[in-house]
Amino acid sequence: MRGSIHKKGKIFYAVIPIRGKRKWFRGGDTKKDAQRELNDRLREVDAGTYKEIPKTTFSEFADLWLKNYVEPKAKPSTQRGYRDIITRLLKPLYGPVCLTEITTVSLQSFVANRLKSVKAKTVCNEIVVLKLMFKHAYRWGYLRHNPAEYVERPRVVKKEIDILSPDEVNILLSHATNHYRIAFLTGFLTGMRAGELWGLKWDDIDWNSKQIYVRRSLWNKQFQTTKTKTSTRKIDMTDGLIRELKKWKLASPVSEHDVVFPSAAGGLTQHDNVVSRHFNQALRKAGLRQVSFHSLRHSNASIRIRSGQNIKYIQSQMGHAGIQITMDTYGHLFHDENFNRQQAELLEKSCDPVRNPLEKPAFSTKKGLTENRKSLNLFGSGGRI
């Protein structure tokens, strides 16, 4: 017999003599798992493709993975999040355990236990780290099988996005401090992410083409690349926003980094400080419900959809990686009763010349555009949201 199956504790192992030594291979919780492992290893030996798997603990590989994969590839904010999950949650549980001893059942138990104390979305973020790390352990030759491949993510109940109406934004701005009022307005009229807003420099504004070039993000007072390749983009500005930014350029503090929205002292803006000391305070003074700063971005997308902008154009302006993200996030707004009625009315007006070709068209394209712009004349935007 070229191999055998042994049980240690509750685990079955495949044992094979290789080069004069007995090699133990973890099979699993059943004898059938061990038999499958035995057959796979024997096939490798016969084919001459058998390779030794280095004995490495979870902690050792985690440090190696952070150094060789995460640090060179991920942004500082992502590095910090991954390192926190590994240090705070995974190392205390799996640190000294040999990487090859960790099973899918064990990882799924980790998920189940976490769900007892945190939200499903948080657990999904932690699973991302697990799956990425074990995928590389398999690719780099530290595992024969990837135990995280079949770990199931919990179902996340999608929260309805919170949107401020134009009237509510007006009230918010009226209670915002002068220093950050234009920043909040810019966030609303462009849909920029917070990091993109605070990382914006005056050289990124093209006054002639009326566009903002999003080239970087600011996180924890460090400039970094944008979220995705498509996040590096050009955003069309409204005429009203251009006027406000030109006035702000004359009034803003001098900044050595030439950022559009520096701190009151002229340094780089710390987002959390702005939210707690200025954004939330303005919401309270205005008597508005508590919403996140990101709601300014959601509100921008809502205005774009309700004004009838092309969905592909909206995707490019928001900087989404694909149109499916735009639809997944804001698709429900296309089923709004008022939006649907508006689309039907637009179709009816557009079809008037076809339906009554001998009559004078009831809908003039130029007039219709003018009326539409009037209805969207938010903050002097001229309808160009």
Protein backbone atom coordinates (compact mmCIF):
# COMPACT_ATOMS: atom_id res chain seq x y z
CA MET A 1 0.00 0.00 0.00
CA ARG A 2 1.49 3.35 -1.07
CA GLY A 3 -0.31 5.42 1.51
CA SER A 4 -2.64 5.26 4.48
CA ILE A 5 -5.20 7.26 6.40
CA HIS A 6 -4.82 8.15 10.08
CA LYS A 7 -6.96 10.07 12.51
CA LYS A 8 -5.58 12.53 15.06
CA GLY A 9 -8.19 13.97 17.35
CA LYS A 10 -11.10 14.85 15.07
CA ILE A 11 -9.03 15.31 11.91
CA PHE A 12 -8.24 12.66 9.27
CA TYR A 13 -4.82 12.73 7.58
CA ALA A 14 -3.36 11.12 4.47
CA VAL A 15 0.11 9.63 5.12
CA ILE A 16 2.43 8.95 2.17
CA PRO A 17 6.07 7.79 2.14
CA ILE A 18 8.02 10.27 -0.01
CA ARG A 19 11.81 10.08 -0.46
CA GLY A 20 12.11 7.76 2.51
CA LYS A 21 10.03 9.98 4.84
CA ARG A 22 6.40 9.72 5.90
CA LYS A 23 4.55 12.89 4.93
CA TRP A 24 1.32 13.82 6.68
CA PHE A 25 -1.34 15.73 4.75
CA ARG A 26 -4.41 17.12 6.39
CA GLY A 27 -7.53 15.59 4.88
CA GLY A 28 -10.46 17.03 6.80
CA ASP A 29 -13.27 16.15 9.14
CA THR A 30 -14.16 12.88 7.37
CA LYS A 31 -12.30 9.84 6.12
CA LYS A 32 -13.55 10.62 2.63
CA ASP A 33 -11.74 13.99 2.77
CA ALA A 34 -8.51 12.22 3.70
CA GLN A 35 -8.95 9.65 0.90
CA ARG A 36 -9.38 12.47 -1.60
CA GLU A 37 -6.21 14.14 -0.29
CA LEU A 38 -4.34 10.84 -0.49
CA ASN A 39 -5.38 10.32 -4.12
CA ASP A 40 -4.43 13.88 -5.11
CA ARG A 41 -0.96 13.64 -3.54
CA LEU A 42 -0.26 10.23 -5.08
CA ARG A 43 -1.14 11.62 -8.52
CA GLU A 44 1.33 14.47 -7.98
CA VAL A 45 4.07 12.03 -6.92
CA ASP A 46 3.45 9.85 -9.97
CA ALA A 47 3.46 12.86 -12.32
CA GLY A 48 6.59 14.33 -10.75
CA THR A 49 4.77 17.58 -9.88
CA TYR A 50 4.76 17.14 -6.10
CA LYS A 51 6.14 20.15 -4.22
CA GLU A 52 6.74 20.66 -0.53
CA ILE A 53 4.48 23.25 1.11
CA PRO A 54 6.45 25.46 3.54
CA LYS A 55 5.29 25.27 7.15
CA THR A 56 4.19 28.81 7.87
CA THR A 57 1.97 30.18 10.60
CA PHE A 58 -0.92 32.50 9.84
CA SER A 59 0.89 35.34 11.60
CA GLU A 60 4.06 34.85 9.55
CA PHE A 61 2.23 34.80 6.25
CA ALA A 62 0.02 37.75 7.20
CA ASP A 63 3.12 39.89 7.79
CA LEU A 64 4.63 38.68 4.51
CA TRP A 65 1.40 39.46 2.63
CA LEU A 66 1.11 42.95 4.09
CA LYS A 67 4.70 43.72 3.14
CA ASN A 68 4.81 42.18 -0.35
CA TYR A 69 1.27 42.79 -1.60
CA VAL A 70 -0.68 45.36 0.42
CA GLU A 71 2.03 47.99 0.98
CA PRO A 72 3.14 48.23 -2.69
CA LYS A 73 -0.38 48.14 -4.17
CA ALA A 74 -2.93 49.59 -1.76
CA LYS A 75 -3.60 53.19 -0.80
CA PRO A 76 -2.65 54.26 2.76
CA SER A 77 -6.29 54.21 3.87
CA THR A 78 -6.73 50.65 2.55
CA GLN A 79 -3.47 49.52 4.15
CA ARG A 80 -4.62 50.85 7.49
CA GLY A 81 -7.96 49.04 7.25
CA TYR A 82 -6.39 45.70 6.25
CA ARG A 83 -3.74 45.92 8.96
CA ASP A 84 -6.38 46.70 11.59
CA ILE A 85 -8.51 43.67 10.64
CA ILE A 86 -5.49 41.34 10.69
CA THR A 87 -4.00 42.67 13.93
CA ARG A 88 -7.21 43.15 15.92
CA LEU A 89 -9.27 40.16 14.75
CA LEU A 90 -7.38 37.50 12.81
CA LYS A 91 -4.01 37.21 14.55
CA PRO A 92 -5.51 36.67 18.03
CA LEU A 93 -7.58 33.82 16.56
CA TYR A 94 -5.22 32.21 14.03
CA GLY A 95 -1.80 33.74 14.74
CA PRO A 96 0.23 30.64 15.80
CA VAL A 97 -1.84 28.19 13.71
CA CYS A 98 -0.12 26.65 10.70
CA LEU A 99 -1.62 28.10 7.53
CA THR A 100 -2.36 24.62 6.14
CA GLU A 101 -4.37 23.74 9.26
CA ILE A 102 -6.98 26.45 8.72
CA THR A 103 -10.19 25.10 7.19
CA THR A 104 -13.23 26.55 5.46
CA VAL A 105 -15.35 25.45 8.43
CA SER A 106 -13.12 27.40 10.81
CA LEU A 107 -13.30 30.55 8.68
CA GLN A 108 -17.06 30.26 8.33
CA SER A 109 -17.31 29.95 12.13
CA PHE A 110 -15.34 33.20 12.41
CA VAL A 111 -17.92 34.86 10.15
CA ALA A 112 -20.83 33.50 12.18
CA ASN A 113 -19.34 34.70 15.47
CA ARG A 114 -18.63 38.17 14.10
CA LEU A 115 -22.23 38.51 12.94
CA LYS A 116 -23.33 38.29 16.58
CA SER A 117 -21.64 41.58 17.43
CA VAL A 118 -21.28 43.67 14.24
CA LYS A 119 -23.24 44.49 11.10
CA ALA A 120 -23.18 42.25 8.04
CA LYS A 121 -21.50 45.00 5.96
CA THR A 122 -18.62 45.11 8.45
CA VAL A 123 -18.21 41.33 8.26
CA CYS A 124 -18.19 41.49 4.46
CA ASN A 125 -15.31 43.97 4.61
CA GLU A 126 -13.40 41.56 6.87
CA ILE A 127 -14.09 38.64 4.51
CA VAL A 128 -12.51 40.64 1.68
CA VAL A 129 -9.21 40.60 3.59
CA LEU A 130 -9.51 36.86 4.33
CA LYS A 131 -10.25 35.93 0.73
CA LEU A 132 -7.49 38.13 -0.69
CA MET A 133 -4.86 36.85 1.72
CA PHE A 134 -5.66 33.15 1.27
CA LYS A 135 -5.89 33.59 -2.50
CA HIS A 136 -2.30 34.83 -2.51
CA ALA A 137 -1.21 32.10 -0.09
CA TYR A 138 -2.48 29.57 -2.62
CA ARG A 139 -0.92 31.35 -5.60
CA TRP A 140 2.43 31.76 -3.84
CA GLY A 141 2.67 28.06 -3.00
CA TYR A 142 1.89 28.20 0.73
CA LEU A 143 -1.35 26.19 0.34
CA ARG A 144 -2.56 23.31 -1.81
CA HIS A 145 -6.16 24.44 -1.46
CA ASN A 146 -7.70 27.81 -0.70
CA PRO A 147 -9.94 27.40 2.40
CA ALA A 148 -11.38 30.89 2.00
CA GLU A 149 -12.63 30.33 -1.56
CA TYR A 150 -15.99 28.95 -0.45
CA VAL A 151 -16.52 31.10 2.64
CA GLU A 152 -19.99 32.61 2.20
CA ARG A 153 -20.64 36.29 2.70
CA PRO A 154 -23.64 37.28 4.84
CA ARG A 155 -26.57 38.96 3.16
CA VAL A 156 -26.38 42.72 3.48
CA VAL A 157 -29.64 44.64 3.66
CA LYS A 158 -29.05 47.68 1.49
CA LYS A 159 -29.80 50.93 3.29
CA GLU A 160 -31.79 53.52 1.42
CA ILE A 161 -29.53 56.42 0.52
CA ASP A 162 -30.28 59.70 2.28
CA ILE A 163 -30.83 62.62 -0.08
CA LEU A 164 -31.16 66.33 0.66
CA SER A 165 -33.52 68.32 -1.52
CA PRO A 166 -32.30 71.57 -3.13
CA ASP A 167 -34.33 73.53 -0.58
CA GLU A 168 -32.71 71.61 2.28
CA VAL A 169 -29.25 72.23 0.82
CA ASN A 170 -30.05 75.94 0.65
CA ILE A 171 -31.01 75.92 4.34
CA LEU A 172 -27.87 73.96 5.21
CA LEU A 173 -25.65 76.45 3.38
CA SER A 174 -27.33 79.40 5.08
CA HIS A 175 -26.23 77.97 8.46
CA ALA A 176 -22.74 76.89 7.41
CA THR A 177 -19.68 78.89 8.46
CA ASN A 178 -18.31 81.12 5.72
CA HIS A 179 -15.11 79.10 5.48
CA TYR A 180 -16.81 75.83 4.54
CA ARG A 181 -20.01 77.06 2.87
CA ILE A 182 -18.46 77.05 -0.61
CA ALA A 183 -16.92 73.62 0.03
CA PHE A 184 -20.35 72.17 0.88
CA LEU A 185 -21.85 73.88 -2.17
CA THR A 186 -19.11 72.49 -4.41
CA GLY A 187 -19.63 69.01 -2.99
CA PHE A 188 -23.32 69.22 -3.79
CA LEU A 189 -23.02 70.71 -7.30
CA THR A 190 -20.21 68.39 -8.44
CA GLY A 191 -20.88 65.14 -6.56
CA MET A 192 -17.20 64.87 -5.64
CA ARG A 193 -16.18 62.45 -2.90
CA ALA A 194 -14.95 64.07 0.31
CA GLY A 195 -11.30 63.11 -0.30
CA GLU A 196 -11.49 64.47 -3.84
CA LEU A 197 -12.98 67.73 -2.57
CA TRP A 198 -10.29 68.34 0.05
CA GLY A 199 -7.53 67.31 -2.37
CA LEU A 200 -8.69 69.72 -5.09
CA LYS A 201 -6.10 72.35 -6.14
CA TRP A 202 -6.63 75.61 -7.95
CA ASP A 203 -4.68 74.30 -10.95
CA ASP A 204 -7.34 71.59 -11.29
CA ILE A 205 -9.97 74.17 -12.24
CA ASP A 206 -10.17 75.11 -15.92
CA TRP A 207 -12.14 78.34 -15.99
CA ASN A 208 -12.30 78.43 -19.79
CA SER A 209 -13.73 74.97 -20.33
CA LYS A 210 -15.77 75.29 -17.12
CA GLN A 211 -14.50 71.97 -15.81
CA ILE A 212 -12.92 70.57 -12.67
CA TYR A 213 -10.19 67.96 -13.13
CA VAL A 214 -10.28 65.35 -10.37
CA ARG A 215 -6.69 64.11 -10.13
CA ARG A 216 -6.11 63.08 -6.52
CA SER A 217 -7.66 62.49 -3.12
CA LEU A 218 -6.71 63.63 0.37
CA TRP A 219 -6.82 61.20 3.28
CA ASN A 220 -5.43 61.76 6.76
CA LYS A 221 -3.54 64.82 5.43
CA GLN A 222 -1.85 62.73 2.74
CA PHE A 223 -2.39 63.07 -1.00
CA GLN A 224 -3.13 59.79 -2.75
CA THR A 225 -4.50 58.51 -6.03
CA THR A 226 -8.22 58.55 -6.68
CA LYS A 227 -10.41 55.60 -5.73
CA THR A 228 -10.37 53.99 -9.20
CA LYS A 229 -9.03 54.83 -12.67
CA THR A 230 -12.44 56.19 -13.66
CA SER A 231 -12.44 58.43 -10.58
CA THR A 232 -9.80 60.52 -12.34
CA ARG A 233 -12.21 62.57 -14.43
CA LYS A 234 -13.49 65.95 -15.61
CA ILE A 235 -16.61 67.40 -13.97
CA ASP A 236 -18.65 70.10 -15.71
CA MET A 237 -19.31 73.14 -13.51
CA THR A 238 -22.46 75.22 -13.40
CA ASP A 239 -22.14 78.94 -14.11
CA GLY A 240 -23.30 79.71 -10.59
CA LEU A 241 -20.58 77.52 -9.08
CA ILE A 242 -17.93 79.20 -11.22
CA ARG A 243 -18.95 82.61 -9.88
CA GLU A 244 -18.85 81.37 -6.28
CA LEU A 245 -15.44 79.72 -6.71
CA LYS A 246 -13.95 82.87 -8.28
CA LYS A 247 -15.12 84.91 -5.28
CA TRP A 248 -13.78 82.23 -2.92
CA LYS A 249 -10.37 82.31 -4.62
CA LEU A 250 -9.98 85.92 -3.54
CA ALA A 251 -11.18 85.26 0.02
CA SER A 252 -9.63 81.85 0.79
CA PRO A 253 -6.61 81.51 3.12
CA VAL A 254 -3.17 81.22 1.53
CA SER A 255 -2.20 77.55 1.31
CA GLU A 256 1.28 76.20 0.66
CA HIS A 257 -0.33 73.22 -1.06
CA ASP A 258 -2.51 75.47 -3.24
CA VAL A 259 -5.63 73.50 -2.26
CA VAL A 260 -9.01 75.09 -2.96
CA PHE A 261 -10.42 74.28 0.47
CA PRO A 262 -7.64 74.44 3.07
CA SER A 263 -8.20 74.49 6.81
CA ALA A 264 -8.92 77.85 8.42
CA ALA A 265 -5.19 78.13 9.16
CA GLY A 266 -4.23 77.37 5.55
CA GLY A 267 -3.17 73.75 6.13
CA LEU A 268 -4.61 70.54 4.72
CA THR A 269 -8.18 69.81 5.75
CA GLN A 270 -8.97 66.96 8.14
CA HIS A 271 -12.30 65.55 6.97
CA ASP A 272 -13.47 64.19 10.34
CA ASN A 273 -12.91 67.59 11.95
CA VAL A 274 -14.95 69.35 9.26
CA VAL A 275 -17.83 66.90 9.68
CA SER A 276 -17.97 67.06 13.49
CA ARG A 277 -17.31 70.79 13.92
CA HIS A 278 -18.94 72.34 10.86
CA PHE A 279 -21.13 70.02 8.76
CA ASN A 280 -23.05 68.40 11.63
CA GLN A 281 -23.29 71.73 13.41
CA ALA A 282 -24.84 73.34 10.33
CA LEU A 283 -27.37 70.50 10.10
CA ARG A 284 -28.38 71.05 13.74
CA LYS A 285 -28.68 74.81 13.37
CA ALA A 286 -30.75 74.35 10.22
CA GLY A 287 -33.07 71.92 12.00
CA LEU A 288 -32.35 69.21 9.42
CA ARG A 289 -32.13 65.48 10.06
CA GLN A 290 -28.69 63.96 10.61
CA VAL A 291 -27.19 62.82 7.30
CA SER A 292 -23.67 61.88 6.32
CA PHE A 293 -21.36 64.18 4.39
CA HIS A 294 -21.62 61.65 1.55
CA SER A 295 -25.29 62.63 1.21
CA LEU A 296 -24.13 65.71 -0.71
CA ARG A 297 -22.82 63.34 -3.40
CA HIS A 298 -26.01 61.27 -3.34
CA SER A 299 -28.07 64.45 -3.62
CA ASN A 300 -26.09 65.51 -6.68
CA ALA A 301 -26.81 62.19 -8.39
CA SER A 302 -30.50 62.55 -7.51
CA ILE A 303 -30.69 66.02 -9.07
CA ARG A 304 -28.95 64.76 -12.21
CA ILE A 305 -31.40 61.88 -12.60
CA ARG A 306 -34.48 64.02 -11.98
CA SER A 307 -33.26 66.61 -14.50
CA GLY A 308 -33.16 63.88 -17.15
CA GLN A 309 -29.40 63.61 -17.66
CA ASN A 310 -28.09 60.63 -19.62
CA ILE A 311 -27.16 57.75 -17.30
CA LYS A 312 -23.78 57.27 -19.01
CA TYR A 313 -23.01 60.94 -18.51
CA ILE A 314 -24.01 60.66 -14.84
CA GLN A 315 -21.65 57.70 -14.44
CA SER A 316 -18.73 59.66 -15.88
CA GLN A 317 -19.45 62.73 -13.75
CA MET A 318 -19.72 60.64 -10.56
CA GLY A 319 -16.57 58.69 -11.41
CA HIS A 320 -18.13 55.25 -11.05
CA ALA A 321 -16.06 52.34 -12.35
CA GLY A 322 -19.00 51.08 -14.40
CA ILE A 323 -22.56 52.00 -15.25
CA GLN A 324 -23.81 49.04 -13.19
CA ILE A 325 -22.54 50.74 -10.01
CA THR A 326 -24.56 53.84 -10.91
CA MET A 327 -27.66 51.73 -11.50
CA ASP A 328 -27.17 49.63 -8.36
CA THR A 329 -26.80 52.77 -6.23
CA TYR A 330 -29.38 55.07 -7.79
CA GLY A 331 -31.53 52.80 -9.95
CA HIS A 332 -34.50 53.11 -7.63
CA LEU A 333 -34.73 56.82 -8.45
CA PHE A 334 -35.60 55.90 -12.04
CA HIS A 335 -38.76 54.22 -10.72
CA ASP A 336 -39.91 57.28 -8.80
CA GLU A 337 -43.50 58.18 -9.79
CA ASN A 338 -42.68 61.85 -10.48
CA PHE A 339 -39.61 60.91 -12.53
CA ASN A 340 -41.59 58.43 -14.62
CA ARG A 341 -44.35 61.01 -15.22
CA GLN A 342 -41.73 63.55 -16.29
CA GLN A 343 -40.24 61.09 -18.80
CA ALA A 344 -43.67 60.34 -20.24
CA GLU A 345 -44.39 64.07 -20.65
CA LEU A 346 -41.05 64.60 -22.39
CA LEU A 347 -41.88 61.77 -24.81
CA GLU A 348 -45.31 63.20 -25.49
CA LYS A 349 -43.95 66.67 -26.22
CA SER A 350 -41.22 65.27 -28.43
CA CYS A 351 -43.79 63.30 -30.42
CA ASP A 352 -46.13 66.27 -31.04
CA PRO A 353 -44.67 67.15 -34.49
CA VAL A 354 -44.98 63.49 -35.53
CA ARG A 355 -48.53 63.13 -34.31
CA ASN A 356 -49.71 66.44 -35.86
CA PRO A 357 -47.27 67.13 -38.71
CA LEU A 358 -49.38 69.97 -40.21
CA GLU A 359 -49.81 71.78 -36.93
CA LYS A 360 -47.36 74.19 -35.40
CA PRO A 361 -45.21 72.17 -32.94
CA ALA A 362 -46.45 72.62 -29.41
CA PHE A 363 -43.01 71.97 -28.05
CA SER A 364 -40.05 74.09 -29.14
CA THR A 365 -36.68 72.50 -28.41
CA LYS A 366 -35.13 75.86 -27.65
CA LYS A 367 -38.08 76.96 -25.52
CA GLY A 368 -38.21 73.62 -23.75
CA LEU A 369 -34.52 73.82 -22.94
CA THR A 370 -34.98 77.34 -21.58
CA GLU A 371 -37.91 76.27 -19.40
CA ASN A 372 -35.98 73.25 -18.14
CA ARG A 373 -33.04 75.44 -17.23
CA LYS A 374 -35.31 77.80 -15.34
CA SER A 375 -36.70 74.91 -13.32
CA LEU A 376 -33.17 73.81 -12.44
CA ASN A 377 -31.73 77.27 -11.80
CA LEU A 378 -30.23 76.12 -8.53
CA PHE A 379 -27.67 78.54 -7.09
CA GLY A 380 -27.50 80.29 -10.49
CA SER A 381 -26.68 77.06 -12.30
CA GLY A 382 -28.56 77.93 -15.46
CA GLY A 383 -29.81 74.38 -15.51
CA ARG A 384 -26.33 72.88 -15.99
CA ILE A 385 -26.18 70.61 -12.95
